[in-house]
């Protein structure tokens, strides 16, 4: 399958592929995922959104193998990560390719201080100690964690915990970063910082799958937007395409204010030329269109 060109360049072969994949948790009668078929190519930044209970978290779990290895249930179809079938690959092996940051970071922090936390994953992979120390120092510098190096993770704020969880995930050097609502418990400043780091990683080539309901925070960074409802992917396209479609209102997904302004102007016969994804872009387009 050839790569395709988007705003961030030429994507290569699919690194994530869902092939008619369905999943139902044990004890549940409803499918959490229903016949999902799509591929995500290397270097994409895929934003996933939808109403509560639509299957976003299960979608993430299927990528890193927690479904079906940890969360048991009925499944059909396949998920491939870097050509490896997740049904036949352990979670530990998948973690080398697909790292995940959870909504509640305290659930994935297991050691006594930040330095040990960042070393924990590489140690379990058998990486030599000198390389581990170097990687820990790199992650501490990247996430600006030096002042927290000796601190117990559970004594930190939610934003600090999320930064440590992200650093611990990145210490494994995954090709894919999966982040399930990483800003849900953060103040605006901490959220902006975490999302800025994730965007920077994507610009350097990392594939990102990010679940987020506040689309105004990340729609300008993402190259692709998936909307889900009742376990199905009901929209898949660029953020500019999806956010102006009627599907957002139909499934109850709030659109960014700048997109709503664009739609209001369009309804009054004013064409800005393209859908803005930031306040600065809206202001520039309005100026070019001579909007009073």
C-alpha atoms as a PDB file:
ATOM      1  CA  UNK A   1       0.000   0.000   0.000  1.00  0.00           C
ATOM      2  CA  UNK A   2       1.556   3.345  -0.991  1.00  0.00           C
ATOM      3  CA  UNK A   3       1.969   6.216   1.417  1.00  0.00           C
ATOM      4  CA  UNK A   4      -0.173   9.318   1.117  1.00  0.00           C
ATOM      5  CA  UNK A   5       0.663  12.991   1.288  1.00  0.00           C
ATOM      6  CA  UNK A   6      -0.741  15.310   3.951  1.00  0.00           C
ATOM      7  CA  UNK A   7       0.299  18.575   5.531  1.00  0.00           C
ATOM      8  CA  UNK A   8       3.235  16.944   7.325  1.00  0.00           C
ATOM      9  CA  UNK A   9       4.676  15.189   4.316  1.00  0.00           C
ATOM     10  CA  UNK A  10       4.600  11.704   2.840  1.00  0.00           C
ATOM     11  CA  UNK A  11       3.416   8.963   5.160  1.00  0.00           C
ATOM     12  CA  UNK A  12       4.819   5.513   4.615  1.00  0.00           C
ATOM     13  CA  UNK A  13       3.397   2.038   5.130  1.00  0.00           C
ATOM     14  CA  UNK A  14       0.598   1.459   7.666  1.00  0.00           C
ATOM     15  CA  UNK A  15       1.930   0.988  11.184  1.00  0.00           C
ATOM     16  CA  UNK A  16      -1.546   0.310  12.638  1.00  0.00           C
ATOM     17  CA  UNK A  17      -4.238  -1.656  10.837  1.00  0.00           C
ATOM     18  CA  UNK A  18      -7.708  -2.692  11.999  1.00  0.00           C
ATOM     19  CA  UNK A  19      -9.228  -5.404   9.808  1.00  0.00           C
ATOM     20  CA  UNK A  20     -12.983  -5.816  10.406  1.00  0.00           C
ATOM     21  CA  UNK A  21     -12.300  -5.813  14.161  1.00  0.00           C
ATOM     22  CA  UNK A  22     -15.081  -6.207  16.733  1.00  0.00           C
ATOM     23  CA  UNK A  23     -14.821  -6.668  20.494  1.00  0.00           C
ATOM     24  CA  UNK A  24     -17.243  -7.243  23.355  1.00  0.00           C
ATOM     25  CA  UNK A  25     -16.091  -7.311  26.991  1.00  0.00           C
ATOM     26  CA  UNK A  26     -16.927 -10.325  29.126  1.00  0.00           C
ATOM     27  CA  UNK A  27     -20.194  -9.690  30.957  1.00  0.00           C
ATOM     28  CA  UNK A  28     -21.391  -7.097  28.452  1.00  0.00           C
ATOM     29  CA  UNK A  29     -24.016  -7.622  25.785  1.00  0.00           C
ATOM     30  CA  UNK A  30     -23.000  -4.606  23.692  1.00  0.00           C
ATOM     31  CA  UNK A  31     -20.064  -4.493  21.321  1.00  0.00           C
ATOM     32  CA  UNK A  32     -17.422  -2.007  22.466  1.00  0.00           C
ATOM     33  CA  UNK A  33     -15.964  -1.956  18.942  1.00  0.00           C
ATOM     34  CA  UNK A  34     -17.997  -2.876  15.882  1.00  0.00           C
ATOM     35  CA  UNK A  35     -16.366  -3.938  12.594  1.00  0.00           C
ATOM     36  CA  UNK A  36     -13.634  -1.309  12.650  1.00  0.00           C
ATOM     37  CA  UNK A  37     -11.537  -1.288   9.483  1.00  0.00           C
ATOM     38  CA  UNK A  38      -8.884   1.379   8.975  1.00  0.00           C
ATOM     39  CA  UNK A  39      -5.153   1.882   8.700  1.00  0.00           C
ATOM     40  CA  UNK A  40      -2.881   4.500  10.251  1.00  0.00           C
ATOM     41  CA  UNK A  41       0.389   5.251   8.545  1.00  0.00           C
ATOM     42  CA  UNK A  42       3.740   6.126  10.071  1.00  0.00           C
ATOM     43  CA  UNK A  43       3.951   9.745  11.141  1.00  0.00           C
ATOM     44  CA  UNK A  44       0.242  10.461  11.336  1.00  0.00           C
ATOM     45  CA  UNK A  45      -1.297  12.402  14.230  1.00  0.00           C
ATOM     46  CA  UNK A  46      -4.735  10.861  14.666  1.00  0.00           C
ATOM     47  CA  UNK A  47      -7.219  12.564  16.967  1.00  0.00           C
ATOM     48  CA  UNK A  48     -10.020  10.292  18.220  1.00  0.00           C
ATOM     49  CA  UNK A  49     -13.199  11.737  19.701  1.00  0.00           C
ATOM     50  CA  UNK A  50     -16.837  10.939  20.344  1.00  0.00           C
ATOM     51  CA  UNK A  51     -19.417  10.777  23.132  1.00  0.00           C
ATOM     52  CA  UNK A  52     -18.732   8.944  26.386  1.00  0.00           C
ATOM     53  CA  UNK A  53     -18.852   5.170  26.006  1.00  0.00           C
ATOM     54  CA  UNK A  54     -18.418   5.219  22.226  1.00  0.00           C
ATOM     55  CA  UNK A  55     -15.379   2.907  22.220  1.00  0.00           C
ATOM     56  CA  UNK A  56     -12.443   5.327  22.243  1.00  0.00           C
ATOM     57  CA  UNK A  57     -10.595   3.682  25.146  1.00  0.00           C
ATOM     58  CA  UNK A  58     -11.211   0.198  23.758  1.00  0.00           C
ATOM     59  CA  UNK A  59      -9.804   1.393  20.430  1.00  0.00           C
ATOM     60  CA  UNK A  60      -6.609   2.418  22.238  1.00  0.00           C
ATOM     61  CA  UNK A  61      -6.436  -0.826  24.203  1.00  0.00           C
ATOM     62  CA  UNK A  62      -6.713  -2.794  20.981  1.00  0.00           C
ATOM     63  CA  UNK A  63      -3.636  -1.024  19.611  1.00  0.00           C
ATOM     64  CA  UNK A  64      -1.325  -1.861  22.525  1.00  0.00           C
ATOM     65  CA  UNK A  65      -2.713  -5.349  23.099  1.00  0.00           C
ATOM     66  CA  UNK A  66      -4.511  -4.794  26.412  1.00  0.00           C
ATOM     67  CA  UNK A  67      -7.449  -5.980  24.344  1.00  0.00           C
ATOM     68  CA  UNK A  68      -7.506  -8.977  24.160  1.00  0.00           C
ATOM     69  CA  UNK A  69      -4.627 -10.043  26.455  1.00  0.00           C
ATOM     70  CA  UNK A  70      -5.649  -8.178  29.634  1.00  0.00           C
ATOM     71  CA  UNK A  71      -9.276  -7.249  28.970  1.00  0.00           C
ATOM     72  CA  UNK A  72     -10.901 -10.501  27.945  1.00  0.00           C
ATOM     73  CA  UNK A  73     -13.972 -10.915  25.811  1.00  0.00           C
ATOM     74  CA  UNK A  74     -15.386 -11.921  22.452  1.00  0.00           C
ATOM     75  CA  UNK A  75     -13.537 -10.676  19.390  1.00  0.00           C
ATOM     76  CA  UNK A  76     -13.489 -11.089  15.658  1.00  0.00           C
ATOM     77  CA  UNK A  77     -11.195  -9.649  13.030  1.00  0.00           C
ATOM     78  CA  UNK A  78      -7.604  -8.564  13.546  1.00  0.00           C
ATOM     79  CA  UNK A  79      -5.387  -5.674  14.597  1.00  0.00           C
ATOM     80  CA  UNK A  80      -1.855  -5.427  13.225  1.00  0.00           C
ATOM     81  CA  UNK A  81       0.866  -3.255  14.763  1.00  0.00           C
ATOM     82  CA  UNK A  82       3.955  -2.936  12.561  1.00  0.00           C
ATOM     83  CA  UNK A  83       2.680  -6.054  10.728  1.00  0.00           C
ATOM     84  CA  UNK A  84       2.416  -8.055  13.998  1.00  0.00           C
ATOM     85  CA  UNK A  85      -0.997  -9.498  14.857  1.00  0.00           C
ATOM     86  CA  UNK A  86      -1.873  -8.309  18.374  1.00  0.00           C
ATOM     87  CA  UNK A  87      -3.623 -11.606  19.128  1.00  0.00           C
ATOM     88  CA  UNK A  88      -0.316 -13.406  18.648  1.00  0.00           C
ATOM     89  CA  UNK A  89       2.010 -10.833  20.246  1.00  0.00           C
ATOM     90  CA  UNK A  90       2.449 -10.220  23.983  1.00  0.00           C
ATOM     91  CA  UNK A  91       1.653  -6.867  25.576  1.00  0.00           C
ATOM     92  CA  UNK A  92       5.315  -6.592  26.618  1.00  0.00           C
ATOM     93  CA  UNK A  93       6.495  -7.006  23.037  1.00  0.00           C
ATOM     94  CA  UNK A  94       3.858  -4.600  21.726  1.00  0.00           C
ATOM     95  CA  UNK A  95       4.980  -1.995  24.290  1.00  0.00           C
ATOM     96  CA  UNK A  96       8.262  -1.681  22.407  1.00  0.00           C
ATOM     97  CA  UNK A  97       6.274  -0.372  19.443  1.00  0.00           C
ATOM     98  CA  UNK A  98       3.122   1.137  20.955  1.00  0.00           C
ATOM     99  CA  UNK A  99       3.434   3.037  24.236  1.00  0.00           C
ATOM    100  CA  UNK A 100       0.318   4.240  26.037  1.00  0.00           C
ATOM    101  CA  UNK A 101      -0.384   7.096  28.440  1.00  0.00           C
ATOM    102  CA  UNK A 102      -3.594   6.608  30.398  1.00  0.00           C
ATOM    103  CA  UNK A 103      -6.256   9.090  31.463  1.00  0.00           C
ATOM    104  CA  UNK A 104      -5.314   8.594  35.133  1.00  0.00           C
ATOM    105  CA  UNK A 105      -1.494   8.607  35.270  1.00  0.00           C
ATOM    106  CA  UNK A 106      -1.300   7.472  38.905  1.00  0.00           C
ATOM    107  CA  UNK A 107      -2.498   4.037  37.765  1.00  0.00           C
ATOM    108  CA  UNK A 108       0.683   3.471  35.752  1.00  0.00           C
ATOM    109  CA  UNK A 109       3.253   4.891  38.189  1.00  0.00           C
ATOM    110  CA  UNK A 110       4.662   2.048  40.287  1.00  0.00           C
ATOM    111  CA  UNK A 111       8.036   3.017  41.806  1.00  0.00           C
ATOM    112  CA  UNK A 112       9.322   5.226  44.634  1.00  0.00           C
ATOM    113  CA  UNK A 113      10.664   8.190  42.686  1.00  0.00           C
ATOM    114  CA  UNK A 114      10.724   9.687  39.216  1.00  0.00           C
ATOM    115  CA  UNK A 115      14.212   8.483  38.338  1.00  0.00           C
ATOM    116  CA  UNK A 116      13.308   4.879  39.190  1.00  0.00           C
ATOM    117  CA  UNK A 117      10.011   5.243  37.312  1.00  0.00           C
ATOM    118  CA  UNK A 118      11.756   6.256  34.115  1.00  0.00           C
ATOM    119  CA  UNK A 119      14.271   3.414  34.459  1.00  0.00           C
ATOM    120  CA  UNK A 120      11.658   0.745  35.211  1.00  0.00           C
ATOM    121  CA  UNK A 121      10.574   0.013  31.631  1.00  0.00           C
ATOM    122  CA  UNK A 122      14.044  -0.043  30.055  1.00  0.00           C
ATOM    123  CA  UNK A 123      15.293  -2.301  32.891  1.00  0.00           C
ATOM    124  CA  UNK A 124      12.551  -4.806  32.104  1.00  0.00           C
ATOM    125  CA  UNK A 125      13.630  -4.780  28.475  1.00  0.00           C
ATOM    126  CA  UNK A 126      17.177  -5.726  29.509  1.00  0.00           C
ATOM    127  CA  UNK A 127      18.775  -2.491  28.329  1.00  0.00           C
ATOM    128  CA  UNK A 128      22.325  -2.029  29.729  1.00  0.00           C
ATOM    129  CA  UNK A 129      22.543   0.290  32.795  1.00  0.00           C
ATOM    130  CA  UNK A 130      24.689   2.981  31.092  1.00  0.00           C
ATOM    131  CA  UNK A 131      22.097   3.301  28.321  1.00  0.00           C
ATOM    132  CA  UNK A 132      19.296   3.431  30.887  1.00  0.00           C
ATOM    133  CA  UNK A 133      20.967   6.273  32.784  1.00  0.00           C
ATOM    134  CA  UNK A 134      21.411   8.182  29.540  1.00  0.00           C
ATOM    135  CA  UNK A 135      17.772   7.629  28.566  1.00  0.00           C
ATOM    136  CA  UNK A 136      16.533   8.709  32.013  1.00  0.00           C
ATOM    137  CA  UNK A 137      18.524  11.933  31.782  1.00  0.00           C
ATOM    138  CA  UNK A 138      17.174  12.574  28.275  1.00  0.00           C
ATOM    139  CA  UNK A 139      13.562  12.127  29.396  1.00  0.00           C
ATOM    140  CA  UNK A 140      14.057  14.305  32.472  1.00  0.00           C
ATOM    141  CA  UNK A 141      15.435  17.055  30.240  1.00  0.00           C
ATOM    142  CA  UNK A 142      12.695  16.651  27.607  1.00  0.00           C
ATOM    143  CA  UNK A 143       9.856  16.903  30.138  1.00  0.00           C
ATOM    144  CA  UNK A 144      11.664  19.354  32.459  1.00  0.00           C
ATOM    145  CA  UNK A 145      11.526  16.975  35.446  1.00  0.00           C
ATOM    146  CA  UNK A 146      14.885  17.664  37.120  1.00  0.00           C
ATOM    147  CA  UNK A 147      13.224  19.233  40.170  1.00  0.00           C
ATOM    148  CA  UNK A 148      11.128  16.062  40.561  1.00  0.00           C
ATOM    149  CA  UNK A 149      13.893  13.490  40.049  1.00  0.00           C
ATOM    150  CA  UNK A 150      13.836  12.168  43.651  1.00  0.00           C
ATOM    151  CA  UNK A 151      10.168  12.822  44.363  1.00  0.00           C
ATOM    152  CA  UNK A 152       7.562  10.091  44.878  1.00  0.00           C
ATOM    153  CA  UNK A 153       5.097  10.187  41.963  1.00  0.00           C
ATOM    154  CA  UNK A 154       2.064  10.099  44.251  1.00  0.00           C
ATOM    155  CA  UNK A 155       3.222  13.288  45.996  1.00  0.00           C
ATOM    156  CA  UNK A 156       3.020  15.269  42.749  1.00  0.00           C
ATOM    157  CA  UNK A 157       0.242  17.232  41.074  1.00  0.00           C
ATOM    158  CA  UNK A 158      -1.854  15.723  38.298  1.00  0.00           C
ATOM    159  CA  UNK A 159       0.087  17.649  35.678  1.00  0.00           C
ATOM    160  CA  UNK A 160       3.415  16.481  37.082  1.00  0.00           C
ATOM    161  CA  UNK A 161       2.199  12.879  37.219  1.00  0.00           C
ATOM    162  CA  UNK A 162       1.065  13.053  33.603  1.00  0.00           C
ATOM    163  CA  UNK A 163       4.453  14.430  32.557  1.00  0.00           C
ATOM    164  CA  UNK A 164       6.203  11.568  34.388  1.00  0.00           C
ATOM    165  CA  UNK A 165       3.868   8.979  32.833  1.00  0.00           C
ATOM    166  CA  UNK A 166       4.608  10.410  29.396  1.00  0.00           C
ATOM    167  CA  UNK A 167       8.353  10.388  30.090  1.00  0.00           C
ATOM    168  CA  UNK A 168       8.209   6.772  31.307  1.00  0.00           C
ATOM    169  CA  UNK A 169       6.370   5.756  28.150  1.00  0.00           C
ATOM    170  CA  UNK A 170       8.815   7.592  25.893  1.00  0.00           C
ATOM    171  CA  UNK A 171      11.772   5.988  27.693  1.00  0.00           C
ATOM    172  CA  UNK A 172      10.819   2.755  25.916  1.00  0.00           C
ATOM    173  CA  UNK A 173      11.340   4.541  22.576  1.00  0.00           C
ATOM    174  CA  UNK A 174       8.041   3.435  21.016  1.00  0.00           C
ATOM    175  CA  UNK A 175       7.216   4.180  17.390  1.00  0.00           C
ATOM    176  CA  UNK A 176       3.598   4.876  18.358  1.00  0.00           C
ATOM    177  CA  UNK A 177       2.344   7.027  21.223  1.00  0.00           C
ATOM    178  CA  UNK A 178      -1.222   6.351  22.361  1.00  0.00           C
ATOM    179  CA  UNK A 179      -2.646   8.943  24.741  1.00  0.00           C
ATOM    180  CA  UNK A 180      -6.129   8.367  26.186  1.00  0.00           C
ATOM    181  CA  UNK A 181      -7.453  11.787  27.271  1.00  0.00           C
ATOM    182  CA  UNK A 182      -4.113  12.807  28.814  1.00  0.00           C
ATOM    183  CA  UNK A 183      -5.344  16.318  29.670  1.00  0.00           C
ATOM    184  CA  UNK A 184      -8.668  15.450  31.319  1.00  0.00           C
ATOM    185  CA  UNK A 185      -7.407  16.113  34.863  1.00  0.00           C
ATOM    186  CA  UNK A 186      -5.025  18.955  34.017  1.00  0.00           C
ATOM    187  CA  UNK A 187      -5.272  22.721  34.306  1.00  0.00           C
ATOM    188  CA  UNK A 188      -5.106  24.636  30.984  1.00  0.00           C
ATOM    189  CA  UNK A 189      -1.410  25.470  31.333  1.00  0.00           C
ATOM    190  CA  UNK A 190      -0.388  21.865  32.071  1.00  0.00           C
ATOM    191  CA  UNK A 191      -2.631  20.596  29.271  1.00  0.00           C
ATOM    192  CA  UNK A 192      -1.063  22.981  26.769  1.00  0.00           C
ATOM    193  CA  UNK A 193       2.422  21.878  27.820  1.00  0.00           C
ATOM    194  CA  UNK A 194       1.714  18.148  27.510  1.00  0.00           C
ATOM    195  CA  UNK A 195      -0.012  18.566  24.147  1.00  0.00           C
ATOM    196  CA  UNK A 196       2.833  20.754  22.903  1.00  0.00           C
ATOM    197  CA  UNK A 197       5.349  18.015  23.704  1.00  0.00           C
ATOM    198  CA  UNK A 198       3.186  15.411  21.947  1.00  0.00           C
ATOM    199  CA  UNK A 199       2.900  17.629  18.864  1.00  0.00           C
ATOM    200  CA  UNK A 200       6.674  18.126  18.838  1.00  0.00           C
ATOM    201  CA  UNK A 201       7.219  14.359  18.968  1.00  0.00           C
ATOM    202  CA  UNK A 202       4.883  13.917  16.002  1.00  0.00           C
ATOM    203  CA  UNK A 203       6.764  16.566  14.035  1.00  0.00           C
ATOM    204  CA  UNK A 204       9.891  14.466  14.590  1.00  0.00           C
ATOM    205  CA  UNK A 205       8.191  11.413  13.084  1.00  0.00           C
ATOM    206  CA  UNK A 206       6.391   9.643  15.935  1.00  0.00           C
ATOM    207  CA  UNK A 207       2.940   8.269  15.147  1.00  0.00           C
ATOM    208  CA  UNK A 208       0.384   9.670  17.599  1.00  0.00           C
ATOM    209  CA  UNK A 209      -3.102   8.408  18.464  1.00  0.00           C
ATOM    210  CA  UNK A 210      -4.718  10.855  20.883  1.00  0.00           C
ATOM    211  CA  UNK A 211      -8.163  10.602  22.483  1.00  0.00           C
ATOM    212  CA  UNK A 212      -9.519  14.032  23.398  1.00  0.00           C
ATOM    213  CA  UNK A 213     -13.005  15.526  23.717  1.00  0.00           C
ATOM    214  CA  UNK A 214     -11.828  19.145  23.777  1.00  0.00           C
ATOM    215  CA  UNK A 215     -11.172  19.412  20.075  1.00  0.00           C
ATOM    216  CA  UNK A 216     -10.148  23.059  20.253  1.00  0.00           C
ATOM    217  CA  UNK A 217      -6.953  21.973  22.054  1.00  0.00           C
ATOM    218  CA  UNK A 218      -5.562  19.683  19.372  1.00  0.00           C
ATOM    219  CA  UNK A 219      -7.466  19.926  16.082  1.00  0.00           C
ATOM    220  CA  UNK A 220      -4.819  22.316  14.734  1.00  0.00           C
ATOM    221  CA  UNK A 221      -2.048  19.769  15.422  1.00  0.00           C
ATOM    222  CA  UNK A 222      -3.771  16.587  14.245  1.00  0.00           C
ATOM    223  CA  UNK A 223      -3.515  15.430  10.644  1.00  0.00           C
ATOM    224  CA  UNK A 224      -6.602  13.231  10.915  1.00  0.00           C
ATOM    225  CA  UNK A 225      -9.787  13.102  12.986  1.00  0.00           C
ATOM    226  CA  UNK A 226     -11.779   9.967  13.783  1.00  0.00           C
ATOM    227  CA  UNK A 227     -15.243  10.295  15.328  1.00  0.00           C
ATOM    228  CA  UNK A 228     -16.799   7.283  17.028  1.00  0.00           C
ATOM    229  CA  UNK A 229     -20.293   6.346  18.162  1.00  0.00           C
ATOM    230  CA  UNK A 230     -21.532   3.044  19.597  1.00  0.00           C
ATOM    231  CA  UNK A 231     -18.263   1.299  18.793  1.00  0.00           C
ATOM    232  CA  UNK A 232     -18.150   2.402  15.158  1.00  0.00           C
ATOM    233  CA  UNK A 233     -15.977   4.921  13.344  1.00  0.00           C
ATOM    234  CA  UNK A 234     -18.601   7.252  11.851  1.00  0.00           C
ATOM    235  CA  UNK A 235     -16.251   9.902  10.429  1.00  0.00           C
ATOM    236  CA  UNK A 236     -12.652   9.752   9.244  1.00  0.00           C
ATOM    237  CA  UNK A 237     -10.888  12.627   7.531  1.00  0.00           C
ATOM    238  CA  UNK A 238      -8.878  15.778   8.035  1.00  0.00           C
ATOM    239  CA  UNK A 239      -9.995  17.953  10.980  1.00  0.00           C
ATOM    240  CA  UNK A 240     -11.073  20.697   8.560  1.00  0.00           C
ATOM    241  CA  UNK A 241     -13.315  18.254   6.687  1.00  0.00           C
ATOM    242  CA  UNK A 242     -14.837  16.480   9.663  1.00  0.00           C
ATOM    243  CA  UNK A 243     -15.442  19.498  11.902  1.00  0.00           C
ATOM    244  CA  UNK A 244     -17.708  21.244   9.385  1.00  0.00           C
ATOM    245  CA  UNK A 245     -19.758  18.126   8.667  1.00  0.00           C
ATOM    246  CA  UNK A 246     -23.166  17.533  10.222  1.00  0.00           C
ATOM    247  CA  UNK A 247     -21.963  14.370  11.955  1.00  0.00           C
ATOM    248  CA  UNK A 248     -20.476  16.348  14.859  1.00  0.00           C
ATOM    249  CA  UNK A 249     -23.855  17.738  15.854  1.00  0.00           C
ATOM    250  CA  UNK A 250     -25.590  14.432  15.152  1.00  0.00           C
ATOM    251  CA  UNK A 251     -23.443  12.518  17.656  1.00  0.00           C
ATOM    252  CA  UNK A 252     -23.072  15.339  20.182  1.00  0.00           C
ATOM    253  CA  UNK A 253     -19.425  16.295  19.644  1.00  0.00           C
ATOM    254  CA  UNK A 254     -18.688  19.943  20.359  1.00  0.00           C
ATOM    255  CA  UNK A 255     -16.727  21.759  17.677  1.00  0.00           C
ATOM    256  CA  UNK A 256     -14.097  24.457  18.313  1.00  0.00           C
ATOM    257  CA  UNK A 257     -15.439  28.005  18.600  1.00  0.00           C
ATOM    258  CA  UNK A 258     -13.439  29.134  15.563  1.00  0.00           C
ATOM    259  CA  UNK A 259     -15.130  26.459  13.443  1.00  0.00           C
ATOM    260  CA  UNK A 260     -18.541  27.570  14.695  1.00  0.00           C
ATOM    261  CA  UNK A 261     -17.692  31.157  13.721  1.00  0.00           C
ATOM    262  CA  UNK A 262     -16.691  29.908  10.258  1.00  0.00           C
ATOM    263  CA  UNK A 263     -20.020  28.090   9.889  1.00  0.00           C
ATOM    264  CA  UNK A 264     -21.984  31.137  11.051  1.00  0.00           C
ATOM    265  CA  UNK A 265     -20.199  33.351   8.519  1.00  0.00           C
ATOM    266  CA  UNK A 266     -20.774  30.791   5.778  1.00  0.00           C
ATOM    267  CA  UNK A 267     -24.478  30.705   6.595  1.00  0.00           C
ATOM    268  CA  UNK A 268     -24.505  34.475   6.022  1.00  0.00           C
ATOM    269  CA  UNK A 269     -22.815  34.131   2.638  1.00  0.00           C
ATOM    270  CA  UNK A 270     -19.261  34.938   3.744  1.00  0.00           C
ATOM    271  CA  UNK A 271     -16.655  32.461   2.485  1.00  0.00           C
ATOM    272  CA  UNK A 272     -13.324  32.463   4.336  1.00  0.00           C
ATOM    273  CA  UNK A 273     -11.767  30.060   1.829  1.00  0.00           C
ATOM    274  CA  UNK A 274     -10.893  27.341   4.326  1.00  0.00           C
ATOM    275  CA  UNK A 275     -11.907  26.165   7.784  1.00  0.00           C
ATOM    276  CA  UNK A 276      -9.820  27.861  10.507  1.00  0.00           C
ATOM    277  CA  UNK A 277      -8.439  25.748  13.341  1.00  0.00           C
ATOM    278  CA  UNK A 278      -7.028  28.512  15.543  1.00  0.00           C
ATOM    279  CA  UNK A 279      -7.902  32.046  16.570  1.00  0.00           C
ATOM    280  CA  UNK A 280      -4.922  33.462  14.700  1.00  0.00           C
ATOM    281  CA  UNK A 281      -5.911  31.638  11.524  1.00  0.00           C
ATOM    282  CA  UNK A 282      -9.505  32.866  11.847  1.00  0.00           C
ATOM    283  CA  UNK A 283      -8.320  36.457  12.259  1.00  0.00           C
ATOM    284  CA  UNK A 284      -6.063  36.202   9.203  1.00  0.00           C
ATOM    285  CA  UNK A 285      -8.768  34.638   7.021  1.00  0.00           C
ATOM    286  CA  UNK A 286     -11.318  37.218   8.149  1.00  0.00           C
ATOM    287  CA  UNK A 287      -8.879  40.005   7.287  1.00  0.00           C
ATOM    288  CA  UNK A 288      -8.243  38.550   3.828  1.00  0.00           C
ATOM    289  CA  UNK A 289     -11.998  38.206   3.244  1.00  0.00           C
ATOM    290  CA  UNK A 290     -12.535  41.823   4.409  1.00  0.00           C
ATOM    291  CA  UNK A 291     -14.917  40.750   7.155  1.00  0.00           C
ATOM    292  CA  UNK A 292     -15.820  43.850   9.205  1.00  0.00           C
END
